[in-house]
Amino acid sequence: MEIAAERIERLQDLARAAASNGEDDRARYYVRLARRIAERNRLSLPREFRRFTCDRCDAYLRPGTNARVRVRDGHVVITCDCGAHARYPYED
């Protein structure tokens, strides 16, 4: 595994820990840093990381705290506190 990919994983763990401790600004900083590293090294972010971050405000999403999760016909809708929506398909 590349150094950049390892660092992105580490930043994901740090963002999750900071968000669970209520340090939303620090979690947002870690998310932005991980995205910058991925862009510079032409890497794609892991699926779990993409699903739990807001594309508009870079917040680390915690369902029930700063994100609303709804299940619709064939997809899941995640709404951030900033108002951004993300839709992900699923199969039965």
Protein backbone atom coordinates (compact mmCIF):
# COMPACT_ATOMS: atom_id res chain seq x y z
CA MET A 1 0.00 0.00 0.00
CA GLU A 2 1.24 3.44 -0.86
CA ILE A 3 2.17 5.98 1.75
CA ALA A 4 -0.59 8.33 0.54
CA ALA A 5 -3.24 5.59 0.85
CA GLU A 6 -2.07 4.78 4.37
CA ARG A 7 -2.22 8.44 5.31
CA ILE A 8 -5.75 8.74 3.93
CA GLU A 9 -6.80 5.74 6.04
CA ARG A 10 -5.21 7.30 9.12
CA LEU A 11 -6.95 10.62 8.46
CA GLN A 12 -10.25 8.77 8.12
CA ASP A 13 -9.75 7.21 11.55
CA LEU A 14 -8.81 10.59 13.03
CA ALA A 15 -11.87 12.27 11.46
CA ARG A 16 -14.16 9.56 12.83
CA ALA A 17 -12.66 9.92 16.33
CA ALA A 18 -12.85 13.72 16.25
CA ALA A 19 -16.47 13.64 15.07
CA SER A 20 -17.46 11.22 17.80
CA ASN A 21 -15.82 13.51 20.39
CA GLY A 22 -17.80 16.50 19.11
CA GLU A 23 -14.81 18.23 17.49
CA ASP A 24 -16.51 18.95 14.18
CA ASP A 25 -14.01 21.56 12.99
CA ARG A 26 -11.09 19.19 13.54
CA ALA A 27 -12.94 16.38 11.71
CA ARG A 28 -13.63 18.75 8.80
CA TYR A 29 -9.92 19.63 8.68
CA TYR A 30 -8.97 15.94 8.48
CA VAL A 31 -11.49 15.34 5.68
CA ARG A 32 -10.16 18.27 3.64
CA LEU A 33 -6.59 17.11 4.16
CA ALA A 34 -7.43 13.57 3.03
CA ARG A 35 -9.15 14.88 -0.09
CA ARG A 36 -6.15 17.05 -0.96
CA ILE A 37 -3.80 14.09 -0.57
CA ALA A 38 -6.01 11.95 -2.80
CA GLU A 39 -6.12 14.64 -5.48
CA ARG A 40 -2.38 15.20 -5.48
CA ASN A 41 -1.61 11.50 -5.73
CA ARG A 42 -4.47 10.71 -8.14
CA LEU A 43 -6.07 8.25 -5.76
CA SER A 44 -9.73 7.60 -5.21
CA LEU A 45 -11.01 7.82 -1.67
CA PRO A 46 -12.23 4.59 -0.07
CA ARG A 47 -15.97 3.95 -0.42
CA GLU A 48 -16.62 4.20 3.32
CA PHE A 49 -14.84 7.55 3.45
CA ARG A 50 -16.85 8.93 0.50
CA ARG A 51 -20.14 7.75 2.00
CA PHE A 52 -19.53 9.33 5.40
CA THR A 53 -18.36 12.77 4.25
CA CYS A 54 -20.36 15.68 2.87
CA ASP A 55 -19.23 16.87 -0.56
CA ARG A 56 -20.42 20.42 0.06
CA CYS A 57 -19.17 21.27 3.57
CA ASP A 58 -16.58 18.46 4.15
CA ALA A 59 -18.22 17.39 7.42
CA TYR A 60 -17.72 13.84 8.67
CA LEU A 61 -21.29 12.54 8.77
CA ARG A 62 -22.69 10.80 11.85
CA PRO A 63 -26.21 9.52 11.22
CA GLY A 64 -28.62 10.87 13.81
CA THR A 65 -26.28 13.66 14.89
CA ASN A 66 -25.43 15.79 11.87
CA ALA A 67 -26.93 13.65 9.10
CA ARG A 68 -30.36 12.27 8.33
CA VAL A 69 -30.64 8.88 6.65
CA ARG A 70 -33.75 7.81 4.77
CA VAL A 71 -34.40 4.65 2.79
CA ARG A 72 -36.36 5.06 -0.44
CA ASP A 73 -37.20 2.72 -3.29
CA GLY A 74 -33.85 1.36 -4.40
CA HIS A 75 -31.65 4.03 -2.81
CA VAL A 76 -30.56 5.56 0.48
CA VAL A 77 -30.74 9.34 0.88
CA ILE A 78 -28.29 10.98 3.30
CA THR A 79 -28.94 14.62 4.10
CA CYS A 80 -26.27 16.70 5.82
CA ASP A 81 -27.07 19.59 8.17
CA CYS A 82 -25.88 21.98 5.46
CA GLY A 83 -28.71 20.72 3.22
CA ALA A 84 -26.67 18.65 0.77
CA HIS A 85 -28.17 15.34 -0.36
CA ALA A 86 -26.33 12.17 -1.34
CA ARG A 87 -28.08 9.19 -2.88
CA TYR A 88 -26.62 5.71 -2.94
CA PRO A 89 -28.28 2.72 -4.63
CA TYR A 90 -28.86 -0.58 -2.92
CA GLU A 91 -30.32 -3.89 -3.96
CA ASP A 92 -32.68 -6.10 -1.98
